[in-house]
Structures are given as structure tokens and as C-alpha cells.
Amino acid sequence: MAKEIIVIIGGPGTGKTTLIDALIARGYCCYPEISREVTAEAKKQGIEQLFLEKPLLFSELLLEGRKKQFLSAQTEPHDWVFLDRGIPDVLAYMHYIGDSYPAFFDAACREHTYSKIFVLPPWEEIYVSDDERYENYDQAKLIYGHLTETYQKYGYDLIEVPKGSVEKRVGFILERLA
């Protein structure tokens, strides 16, 4: 079986991290979302919300981090490696805020391709805002639209994960991979 690098995407507050945590608990190799790490590092340097204050710098840091995750995932001894967000997420968020970006962002999406993309739709009942998630639910729905459009632009067939318990969602993903 060839290595599969599988990405879980969705707007803010759709349960991506919860699913990744559940997959880790089952023994699967998973890489976490890195935006909170980038945001926390910026806060240490006195920048309260890097994405809002310096979106291109934030996006470049995310792009580099996600490229590293992709390359690292390729060297894992596991057949399946799950990622909480992928490289095209960076472009989707840039589209969402209406900013342009250098051509190397597009090149990174074309050079680093994933096996499968699972998308979590907006789900108001579980949506929660916090210190790093500044978007409201309506904004989360707009981001979802940019995410699906961006991944489809790069030729991905998106597999929508139905709403349900964490166990049902994990089961759905694993069934589609088996």
C-alpha cells in the first residue's frame, strides 16, 4: 500500500482538531494545525493577532510550516498520515481576506499534493469562538466556501464528512480509506 497523506479541512470550529485527537487516540499518525503555534509565537513577540496585522507574513509562516509537515509526513513509517489542514488552506484564507500573494504560494500547492481531502461542513451547534479563533459563525461559513473552492481549483475531489458524533465521523473517514 502506498503512503497516503490525508488532509482534514473545514472552516473554523467544525471539529477538525477533535477528529485529529480521536485519530491519535486510535494510534494513527497525525500532524496538528500549526496556525495556533504561529499565532502564539507572534504574541510572544508582541503581535496580538498576526493574521490580522500582517496577513502575508502569517501566511508565509504557515506555508513554510505546512510544507515541512508534508515532507515530514512522506518519511513516516505509517501508511496513512493525517494532517489538520493543508497548503491550499493558506491560499483560501488569503482569498477570504481579499489579499494577493506571491506566485510561490500557488507553486507550493501544485508541488505538494495530497492523497485525499476530507472536508467538515459548517456546524453551528458545535461552533465555539476562542482567543485564537476570531471569526464568527457567518465568517466561518464564508471561509468554508473559499476552502472548498480552492481545493477544487487544484483538482481535489472533496469527501464531505457528515455531521455526527466524533466516533461516527472517524468511522466515516476510516471506511472511505479502507
Protein backbone atom coordinates (compact mmCIF):
# COMPACT_ATOMS: atom_id res chain seq x y z
CA MET A 1 0.00 0.00 0.00
CA ALA A 2 1.39 3.38 -0.99
CA LYS A 3 1.64 6.13 1.60
CA GLU A 4 -1.44 8.28 1.78
CA ILE A 5 -1.23 11.84 3.07
CA ILE A 6 -4.76 12.73 4.07
CA VAL A 7 -5.92 16.23 4.90
CA ILE A 8 -8.88 17.21 7.04
CA ILE A 9 -10.18 20.66 6.16
CA GLY A 10 -13.10 22.86 7.12
CA GLY A 11 -13.85 26.31 8.34
CA PRO A 12 -13.13 27.32 11.92
CA GLY A 13 -14.97 25.40 14.61
CA THR A 14 -16.03 22.38 12.54
CA GLY A 15 -14.29 19.75 14.67
CA LYS A 16 -11.01 19.19 12.81
CA THR A 17 -8.81 19.16 15.90
CA THR A 18 -11.27 16.92 17.75
CA LEU A 19 -11.13 14.43 14.86
CA ILE A 20 -7.33 14.56 14.74
CA ASP A 21 -7.22 13.95 18.50
CA ALA A 22 -9.58 10.96 18.11
CA LEU A 23 -7.40 9.53 15.33
CA ILE A 24 -4.29 9.95 17.52
CA ALA A 25 -6.11 8.14 20.33
CA ARG A 26 -6.66 5.24 17.92
CA GLY A 27 -2.94 5.14 17.12
CA TYR A 28 -2.91 6.92 13.77
CA CYS A 29 -0.10 9.25 12.74
CA CYS A 30 -1.44 12.81 12.73
CA TYR A 31 0.03 16.26 12.36
CA PRO A 32 -1.66 19.15 14.18
CA GLU A 33 -2.82 22.51 12.86
CA ILE A 34 0.11 24.91 13.10
CA SER A 35 -1.64 28.29 12.98
CA ARG A 36 -2.12 28.41 16.75
CA GLU A 37 1.61 27.78 17.17
CA VAL A 38 2.46 30.59 14.74
CA THR A 39 -0.01 32.92 16.50
CA ALA A 40 1.39 32.07 19.95
CA GLU A 41 4.94 32.74 18.76
CA ALA A 42 3.89 36.13 17.36
CA LYS A 43 2.19 37.01 20.66
CA LYS A 44 5.49 36.37 22.44
CA GLN A 45 6.97 38.99 20.10
CA GLY A 46 4.21 41.49 20.93
CA ILE A 47 1.96 40.97 17.90
CA GLU A 48 -1.51 40.27 19.27
CA GLN A 49 -3.13 38.84 16.10
CA LEU A 50 -0.53 38.22 13.39
CA PHE A 51 -3.09 37.10 10.79
CA LEU A 52 -4.98 40.40 11.13
CA GLU A 53 -1.94 42.67 11.49
CA LYS A 54 0.47 41.08 8.99
CA PRO A 55 -1.51 38.58 6.92
CA LEU A 56 1.17 37.96 4.30
CA LEU A 57 3.85 37.24 6.91
CA PHE A 58 1.46 34.97 8.81
CA SER A 59 0.59 33.15 5.59
CA GLU A 60 4.25 32.74 4.60
CA LEU A 61 4.99 31.21 8.02
CA LEU A 62 2.03 28.85 7.64
CA LEU A 63 3.05 27.91 4.11
CA GLU A 64 6.58 27.02 5.25
CA GLY A 65 5.26 25.06 8.23
CA ARG A 66 2.79 23.11 6.11
CA LYS A 67 5.44 22.33 3.50
CA LYS A 68 7.62 20.94 6.31
CA GLN A 69 4.70 18.87 7.57
CA PHE A 70 4.14 17.46 4.08
CA LEU A 71 7.80 16.50 3.66
CA SER A 72 7.92 15.00 7.15
CA ALA A 73 4.71 13.04 6.51
CA GLN A 74 6.34 11.45 3.47
CA THR A 75 9.06 9.96 5.69
CA GLU A 76 6.69 8.50 8.30
CA PRO A 77 6.68 4.70 8.57
CA HIS A 78 2.85 4.71 8.57
CA ASP A 79 0.69 4.02 5.51
CA TRP A 80 -1.73 6.81 6.44
CA VAL A 81 -0.71 10.23 7.73
CA PHE A 82 -3.44 12.70 8.66
CA LEU A 83 -2.93 16.47 8.54
CA ASP A 84 -5.08 19.12 10.21
CA ARG A 85 -5.25 21.49 7.20
CA GLY A 86 -3.07 21.55 4.10
CA ILE A 87 -1.16 24.02 1.96
CA PRO A 88 -4.19 25.21 -0.10
CA ASP A 89 -5.79 26.39 3.16
CA VAL A 90 -3.26 29.23 3.16
CA LEU A 91 -4.46 30.46 -0.23
CA ALA A 92 -8.12 30.03 0.73
CA TYR A 93 -7.65 32.33 3.73
CA MET A 94 -5.82 34.88 1.56
CA HIS A 95 -8.77 34.79 -0.85
CA TYR A 96 -11.13 35.19 2.10
CA ILE A 97 -9.44 38.41 3.27
CA GLY A 98 -9.01 39.63 -0.32
CA ASP A 99 -5.20 39.75 -0.25
CA SER A 100 -2.90 38.79 -3.06
CA TYR A 101 0.11 36.53 -2.58
CA PRO A 102 3.32 35.69 -4.43
CA ALA A 103 3.39 33.03 -7.16
CA PHE A 104 5.35 30.63 -4.94
CA PHE A 105 2.16 30.10 -2.88
CA ASP A 106 0.46 28.65 -5.97
CA ALA A 107 3.57 26.65 -6.85
CA ALA A 108 3.61 25.09 -3.37
CA CYS A 109 0.03 23.86 -3.88
CA ARG A 110 0.95 22.28 -7.19
CA GLU A 111 4.20 20.72 -5.93
CA HIS A 112 2.80 19.18 -2.73
CA THR A 113 -0.23 17.03 -3.47
CA TYR A 114 -2.32 15.05 -1.04
CA SER A 115 -3.98 11.66 -1.43
CA LYS A 116 -7.41 12.52 -0.09
CA ILE A 117 -9.21 15.55 1.29
CA PHE A 118 -11.95 15.20 3.90
CA VAL A 119 -13.98 18.35 4.45
CA LEU A 120 -16.03 19.18 7.52
CA PRO A 121 -19.02 21.43 6.75
CA PRO A 122 -20.03 24.38 8.92
CA TRP A 123 -21.89 23.20 12.02
CA GLU A 124 -23.38 25.96 14.13
CA GLU A 125 -24.26 23.68 17.07
CA ILE A 126 -20.59 22.90 17.80
CA TYR A 127 -19.08 26.24 16.76
CA VAL A 128 -17.19 27.94 19.58
CA SER A 129 -15.08 31.11 19.40
CA ASP A 130 -11.88 31.45 21.45
CA ASP A 131 -8.77 33.64 21.76
CA GLU A 132 -7.20 32.37 18.51
CA ARG A 133 -10.46 31.93 16.58
CA TYR A 134 -11.68 35.45 15.95
CA GLU A 135 -14.21 34.61 13.22
CA ASN A 136 -17.92 34.46 13.92
CA TYR A 137 -20.08 31.65 12.54
CA ASP A 138 -21.09 33.57 9.39
CA GLN A 139 -17.45 34.24 8.62
CA ALA A 140 -16.68 30.56 9.23
CA LYS A 141 -19.24 29.68 6.53
CA LEU A 142 -17.56 32.08 4.08
CA ILE A 143 -14.17 30.55 4.84
CA TYR A 144 -15.63 27.09 4.20
CA GLY A 145 -16.67 28.29 0.73
CA HIS A 146 -13.18 29.60 -0.01
CA LEU A 147 -11.63 26.34 1.22
CA THR A 148 -13.78 24.10 -0.96
CA GLU A 149 -13.31 26.35 -3.99
CA THR A 150 -9.52 26.48 -3.54
CA TYR A 151 -9.05 22.73 -3.12
CA GLN A 152 -11.30 22.03 -6.11
CA LYS A 153 -9.24 24.51 -8.15
CA TYR A 154 -6.22 22.26 -7.51
CA GLY A 155 -8.12 19.22 -8.74
CA TYR A 156 -9.11 17.61 -5.46
CA ASP A 157 -12.30 15.63 -5.04
CA LEU A 158 -13.59 16.60 -1.61
CA ILE A 159 -15.15 13.97 0.62
CA GLU A 160 -17.66 15.65 2.92
CA VAL A 161 -17.75 14.16 6.40
CA PRO A 162 -21.33 14.10 7.69
CA LYS A 163 -22.21 15.74 10.98
CA GLY A 164 -22.44 13.31 13.87
CA SER A 165 -20.57 12.04 16.89
CA VAL A 166 -16.78 12.04 16.83
CA GLU A 167 -16.85 8.22 16.62
CA LYS A 168 -19.20 8.29 13.62
CA ARG A 169 -17.07 10.90 11.85
CA VAL A 170 -13.85 8.94 12.49
CA GLY A 171 -15.61 5.76 11.31
CA PHE A 172 -16.76 7.51 8.13
CA ILE A 173 -13.20 8.62 7.32
CA LEU A 174 -11.64 5.23 8.04
CA GLU A 175 -14.30 3.43 5.95
CA ARG A 176 -13.53 5.68 2.97
CA LEU A 177 -9.82 4.88 3.28
CA ALA A 178 -10.19 1.10 3.69
